[in-house]
Amino acid sequence: MKFQEFPTSGSVALVTGGGRGIGLSIAQKLATKGATVVIADLEESVAVDAAQSLGHGTIGIGFDAGDASSYATTVDWVESNVGPIDIVVNNAGIMPVGPLLAEEDGVAAATMRVNFWAHYYSFRILAPKMIARGRGHFINVTSAAGAIHSPGLATYVATKHAATGFARSAREELQGTGVTLSVVMPSAVRTQLVDGIPFKWWERLGIISPGVVARRAVGTLRRRPAVVGAPVGTVIGLRLYPLVPESIWLLGRRVVGADRTLEPYDVDERAEYDGRITRQIETS
């Protein structure tokens, strides 16, 4: 389907997990294109600092994306104090790494809470408001992991499959309403999510910057496609992936030295990020 370009200038945009990384890059691009951006992050101080660094009237607030009540309260506050939300970027997410049987209790629930349920709550809360106004655009950042499998990331992969499938299905339910939803599926991104992971040198060549994802995400406002990858070409690869027999896949992983989980990772280097996962567990 063809859609008119969604205007950025004058729009109100809510960016979850916008205090750093991909979310911050997306917030910056939206702000420079004339949107009034609200950065919402679990750590309020991080959101406020990020908003101040961007300028352009950007606002930073604290909220818990995986809590329905917190999400609803945040939306009410934004729409009462800033204006109706036209663009929502569901970017907040966490990525625990390591063997599944070594995963601590609570990790899976917390990961599903922020990686999937936050998207669900966003749609349930904001879609009716947008439909009533006849305009709105969701940008749901999932992951290339939402179409593949990866040892050492079993829980993360499961949540991203759920988020991607949900988004694609929800998009079709919006047809004819004036509201659209685009899925953004990045490959590995140079953020804290990959801190401490022992990538091979050739794997590091494929790690992209948050800015690449931001360009693809904000670019969905032009034609509002169902799904885009970051970098360009990712989606084509993901569509071919299921055609590869398991035996060939496993052989290829052994040949290139990728037949492993993501351990052993650098505990000290990953400590700050793992601390954020712990805070998500505590809020669950």
Protein backbone atom coordinates (compact mmCIF):
# COMPACT_ATOMS: atom_id res chain seq x y z
CA MET A 1 0.00 0.00 0.00
CA LYS A 2 1.07 3.58 -0.63
CA PHE A 3 0.91 6.19 2.10
CA GLN A 4 1.50 9.91 2.13
CA GLU A 5 4.60 11.10 3.95
CA PHE A 6 3.92 11.62 7.63
CA PRO A 7 4.87 15.20 8.59
CA THR A 8 7.59 15.45 11.21
CA SER A 9 7.56 19.21 11.71
CA GLY A 10 4.98 20.16 14.31
CA SER A 11 4.40 16.58 15.42
CA VAL A 12 4.73 15.28 18.97
CA ALA A 13 6.94 12.21 19.23
CA LEU A 14 7.35 9.86 22.19
CA VAL A 15 10.61 7.88 22.18
CA THR A 16 10.94 5.11 24.75
CA GLY A 17 14.40 4.12 25.95
CA GLY A 18 15.51 7.41 24.43
CA GLY A 19 18.15 8.30 26.98
CA ARG A 20 21.00 6.65 25.12
CA GLY A 21 21.98 4.55 22.11
CA ILE A 22 19.48 3.98 19.32
CA GLY A 23 16.67 5.83 21.08
CA LEU A 24 18.78 8.94 21.58
CA SER A 25 19.85 8.93 17.93
CA ILE A 26 16.23 8.62 16.79
CA ALA A 27 15.17 11.40 19.18
CA GLN A 28 17.90 13.65 17.80
CA LYS A 29 16.81 13.10 14.19
CA LEU A 30 13.16 13.73 15.00
CA ALA A 31 14.02 16.90 16.94
CA THR A 32 16.15 18.31 14.14
CA LYS A 33 13.28 17.64 11.72
CA GLY A 34 10.96 19.82 13.76
CA ALA A 35 9.17 17.38 16.04
CA THR A 36 8.59 18.07 19.71
CA VAL A 37 10.24 15.04 21.23
CA VAL A 38 9.54 13.47 24.60
CA ILE A 39 12.30 11.11 25.72
CA ALA A 40 10.96 8.53 28.17
CA ASP A 41 13.39 6.27 29.99
CA LEU A 42 13.40 4.04 33.06
CA GLU A 43 16.17 6.26 34.45
CA GLU A 44 14.64 9.73 34.66
CA SER A 45 17.97 11.51 35.18
CA VAL A 46 19.32 9.94 31.97
CA ALA A 47 16.20 11.05 30.06
CA VAL A 48 16.42 14.61 31.39
CA ASP A 49 20.14 14.90 30.61
CA ALA A 50 19.58 13.53 27.10
CA ALA A 51 16.76 16.00 26.47
CA GLN A 52 18.89 18.92 27.63
CA SER A 53 21.73 17.80 25.37
CA LEU A 54 19.45 17.76 22.32
CA GLY A 55 17.71 21.08 22.87
CA HIS A 56 14.92 21.89 20.36
CA GLY A 57 12.43 21.87 23.25
CA THR A 58 13.02 18.17 23.90
CA ILE A 59 11.53 16.90 27.16
CA GLY A 60 12.90 14.09 29.32
CA ILE A 61 10.75 12.06 31.70
CA GLY A 62 11.03 8.81 33.64
CA PHE A 63 8.67 5.91 33.06
CA ASP A 64 8.52 2.13 32.99
CA ALA A 65 7.72 0.97 29.44
CA GLY A 66 6.83 -2.53 30.61
CA ASP A 67 4.16 -1.37 33.05
CA ALA A 68 0.73 -0.69 31.56
CA SER A 69 -0.22 1.85 34.23
CA SER A 70 3.06 3.74 33.86
CA TYR A 71 2.69 3.78 30.08
CA ALA A 72 -0.89 5.08 30.30
CA THR A 73 0.04 7.75 32.85
CA THR A 74 2.92 8.92 30.68
CA VAL A 75 0.72 9.17 27.58
CA ASP A 76 -1.91 11.14 29.53
CA TRP A 77 0.76 13.52 30.82
CA VAL A 78 2.27 14.09 27.39
CA GLU A 79 -1.06 14.66 25.70
CA SER A 80 -2.20 17.03 28.46
CA ASN A 81 1.02 19.04 28.70
CA VAL A 82 2.66 18.78 25.28
CA GLY A 83 0.01 17.71 22.79
CA PRO A 84 -1.49 14.67 21.07
CA ILE A 85 1.14 12.05 20.33
CA ASP A 86 1.57 11.67 16.56
CA ILE A 87 4.66 9.46 16.47
CA VAL A 88 5.65 6.81 18.99
CA VAL A 89 8.98 5.03 18.85
CA ASN A 90 8.92 1.80 20.83
CA ASN A 91 12.64 1.41 21.29
CA ALA A 92 13.18 0.41 24.93
CA GLY A 93 14.68 -3.06 25.25
CA ILE A 94 17.15 -5.25 27.11
CA MET A 95 19.41 -8.07 25.94
CA PRO A 96 20.61 -10.66 28.47
CA VAL A 97 23.37 -12.92 27.16
CA GLY A 98 24.67 -16.35 28.11
CA PRO A 99 23.56 -20.00 28.13
CA LEU A 100 19.85 -20.45 28.76
CA LEU A 101 20.33 -22.90 31.63
CA ALA A 102 22.58 -20.40 33.41
CA GLU A 103 20.02 -17.61 33.19
CA GLU A 104 18.91 -16.20 36.55
CA ASP A 105 15.29 -16.32 37.68
CA GLY A 106 13.34 -13.28 36.62
CA VAL A 107 15.43 -12.47 33.56
CA ALA A 108 13.01 -13.98 31.04
CA ALA A 109 9.98 -12.25 32.56
CA ALA A 110 11.76 -8.89 32.68
CA THR A 111 12.97 -9.23 29.10
CA MET A 112 9.53 -10.13 27.79
CA ARG A 113 8.07 -7.28 29.80
CA VAL A 114 10.14 -4.54 28.18
CA ASN A 115 10.80 -6.11 24.75
CA PHE A 116 7.25 -7.29 24.03
CA TRP A 117 4.66 -6.12 26.54
CA ALA A 118 5.76 -2.49 26.20
CA HIS A 119 4.89 -2.68 22.49
CA TYR A 120 1.55 -4.29 23.30
CA TYR A 121 0.65 -1.65 25.88
CA SER A 122 1.72 1.12 23.52
CA PHE A 123 -0.63 -0.14 20.83
CA ARG A 124 -3.56 -0.71 23.18
CA ILE A 125 -3.18 2.75 24.75
CA LEU A 126 -2.22 4.90 21.79
CA ALA A 127 -3.88 3.27 18.76
CA PRO A 128 -7.45 4.22 19.81
CA LYS A 129 -6.40 7.85 20.34
CA MET A 130 -4.62 7.98 16.99
CA ILE A 131 -7.48 6.26 15.16
CA ALA A 132 -9.93 8.80 16.59
CA ARG A 133 -7.77 11.59 15.15
CA GLY A 134 -7.19 9.72 11.88
CA ARG A 135 -3.40 10.06 12.06
CA GLY A 136 -0.41 8.51 13.76
CA HIS A 137 2.66 6.37 13.17
CA PHE A 138 4.27 3.68 15.31
CA ILE A 139 7.94 2.87 14.84
CA ASN A 140 8.59 -0.43 16.61
CA VAL A 141 12.28 -1.23 16.93
CA THR A 142 12.64 -4.99 17.21
CA SER A 143 15.76 -6.75 15.90
CA ALA A 144 17.12 -9.01 13.19
CA ALA A 145 17.01 -11.52 16.06
CA GLY A 146 13.24 -11.42 15.59
CA ALA A 147 13.64 -13.56 12.48
CA ILE A 148 16.54 -15.87 13.31
CA HIS A 149 17.86 -17.98 16.19
CA SER A 150 21.04 -17.55 18.20
CA PRO A 151 22.56 -19.64 21.01
CA GLY A 152 23.33 -17.48 24.01
CA LEU A 153 20.42 -15.18 23.20
CA ALA A 154 17.47 -17.58 23.47
CA THR A 155 15.31 -15.38 25.69
CA TYR A 156 16.14 -12.21 23.79
CA VAL A 157 15.41 -13.91 20.46
CA ALA A 158 12.06 -15.18 21.74
CA THR A 159 10.97 -11.69 22.81
CA LYS A 160 12.01 -10.17 19.49
CA HIS A 161 10.13 -12.84 17.53
CA ALA A 162 7.08 -11.99 19.62
CA ALA A 163 7.47 -8.25 19.10
CA THR A 164 8.00 -8.59 15.35
CA GLY A 165 5.05 -10.92 14.84
CA PHE A 166 2.82 -8.71 16.95
CA ALA A 167 3.78 -5.58 15.04
CA ARG A 168 3.24 -7.10 11.61
CA SER A 169 -0.19 -8.38 12.66
CA ALA A 170 -1.22 -5.14 14.39
CA ARG A 171 -0.24 -3.13 11.31
CA GLU A 172 -2.83 -4.94 9.20
CA GLU A 173 -5.54 -4.19 11.76
CA LEU A 174 -4.81 -0.48 11.24
CA GLN A 175 -5.54 -0.48 7.50
CA GLY A 176 -7.87 2.31 6.48
CA THR A 177 -7.58 4.19 9.78
CA GLY A 178 -4.89 6.70 8.78
CA VAL A 179 -2.59 5.16 11.41
CA THR A 180 0.43 3.09 10.40
CA LEU A 181 3.07 0.91 12.01
CA SER A 182 6.56 0.15 10.74
CA VAL A 183 8.95 -2.45 12.13
CA VAL A 184 12.68 -1.68 12.23
CA MET A 185 14.96 -4.72 12.45
CA PRO A 186 18.60 -3.79 13.13
CA SER A 187 21.56 -6.13 13.12
CA ALA A 188 24.10 -5.82 15.97
CA VAL A 189 24.43 -2.18 17.02
CA ARG A 190 27.32 -0.40 18.71
CA THR A 191 25.56 0.29 22.02
CA GLN A 192 25.86 -1.05 25.57
CA LEU A 193 23.91 -4.13 24.47
CA VAL A 194 27.11 -5.54 22.94
CA ASP A 195 29.48 -4.50 25.73
CA GLY A 196 31.87 -7.26 26.76
CA ILE A 197 30.77 -9.78 24.12
CA PRO A 198 33.79 -11.54 22.54
CA PHE A 199 33.01 -10.96 18.88
CA LYS A 200 35.40 -12.23 16.25
CA TRP A 201 37.14 -9.52 14.23
CA TRP A 202 34.98 -10.23 11.21
CA GLU A 203 31.83 -10.08 13.32
CA ARG A 204 32.81 -6.62 14.54
CA LEU A 205 32.88 -5.43 10.93
CA GLY A 206 29.11 -5.97 10.80
CA ILE A 207 28.28 -3.99 13.93
CA ILE A 208 26.55 -0.76 12.90
CA SER A 209 26.21 2.60 14.62
CA PRO A 210 22.99 3.84 16.29
CA GLY A 211 22.87 6.54 13.63
CA VAL A 212 22.33 3.95 10.90
CA VAL A 213 19.31 2.59 12.74
CA ALA A 214 18.01 6.10 13.40
CA ARG A 215 18.12 6.99 9.71
CA ARG A 216 16.19 3.87 8.80
CA ALA A 217 13.67 4.38 11.60
CA VAL A 218 12.93 8.03 10.89
CA GLY A 219 12.98 7.22 7.18
CA THR A 220 9.83 5.10 7.65
CA LEU A 221 7.88 8.35 7.95
CA ARG A 222 8.26 8.90 4.21
CA ARG A 223 6.47 5.84 2.84
CA ARG A 224 5.53 4.06 6.08
CA PRO A 225 6.63 0.56 5.00
CA ALA A 226 5.75 -2.59 6.91
CA VAL A 227 9.33 -3.48 7.76
CA VAL A 228 12.83 -2.12 7.17
CA GLY A 229 16.21 -3.48 8.14
CA ALA A 230 19.34 -1.73 9.30
CA PRO A 231 21.57 -1.72 7.39
CA VAL A 232 19.85 -1.81 3.99
CA GLY A 233 19.62 -5.38 2.73
CA THR A 234 19.04 -6.92 6.15
CA VAL A 235 15.44 -7.88 5.42
CA ILE A 236 16.39 -9.73 2.22
CA GLY A 237 18.92 -11.77 4.17
CA LEU A 238 16.39 -12.54 6.86
CA ARG A 239 13.92 -13.80 4.27
CA LEU A 240 16.51 -16.15 2.78
CA TYR A 241 17.67 -17.42 6.17
CA PRO A 242 14.85 -20.03 6.67
CA LEU A 243 15.87 -21.69 3.40
CA VAL A 244 19.27 -22.73 4.80
CA PRO A 245 19.21 -26.36 6.06
CA GLU A 246 20.26 -26.75 9.69
CA SER A 247 23.21 -28.99 8.80
CA ILE A 248 24.62 -26.35 6.44
CA TRP A 249 23.97 -23.62 9.01
CA LEU A 250 25.81 -25.48 11.76
CA LEU A 251 28.69 -26.36 9.44
CA GLY A 252 29.05 -22.72 8.47
CA ARG A 253 29.11 -21.66 12.11
CA ARG A 254 31.89 -24.17 12.85
CA VAL A 255 33.95 -23.08 9.85
CA VAL A 256 33.90 -19.41 10.87
CA GLY A 257 34.28 -20.12 14.57
CA ALA A 258 30.82 -18.94 15.54
CA ASP A 259 29.60 -22.25 17.00
CA ARG A 260 29.33 -20.91 20.53
CA THR A 261 27.14 -18.97 22.88
CA LEU A 262 28.14 -15.37 23.55
CA GLU A 263 30.21 -16.37 26.58
CA PRO A 264 32.65 -15.96 28.12
CA TYR A 265 31.97 -12.23 28.08
CA ASP A 266 33.85 -9.54 29.96
CA VAL A 267 31.93 -9.25 33.25
CA ASP A 268 33.53 -5.95 34.21
CA GLU A 269 32.92 -4.35 30.83
CA ARG A 270 29.31 -5.50 30.83
CA ALA A 271 28.64 -4.63 34.49
CA GLU A 272 26.86 -1.33 33.84
CA TYR A 273 24.52 -2.85 31.28
CA ASP A 274 23.82 -5.94 33.38
CA GLY A 275 22.98 -3.57 36.22
CA ARG A 276 20.26 -2.07 34.06
CA ILE A 277 18.83 -5.55 33.45
CA THR A 278 18.82 -6.10 37.22
CA ARG A 279 16.82 -2.89 37.68
CA GLN A 280 14.30 -4.15 35.12
CA ILE A 281 13.95 -7.38 37.12
CA GLU A 282 13.40 -5.38 40.31
CA THR A 283 10.60 -3.37 38.71
CA SER A 284 8.85 -6.46 37.33
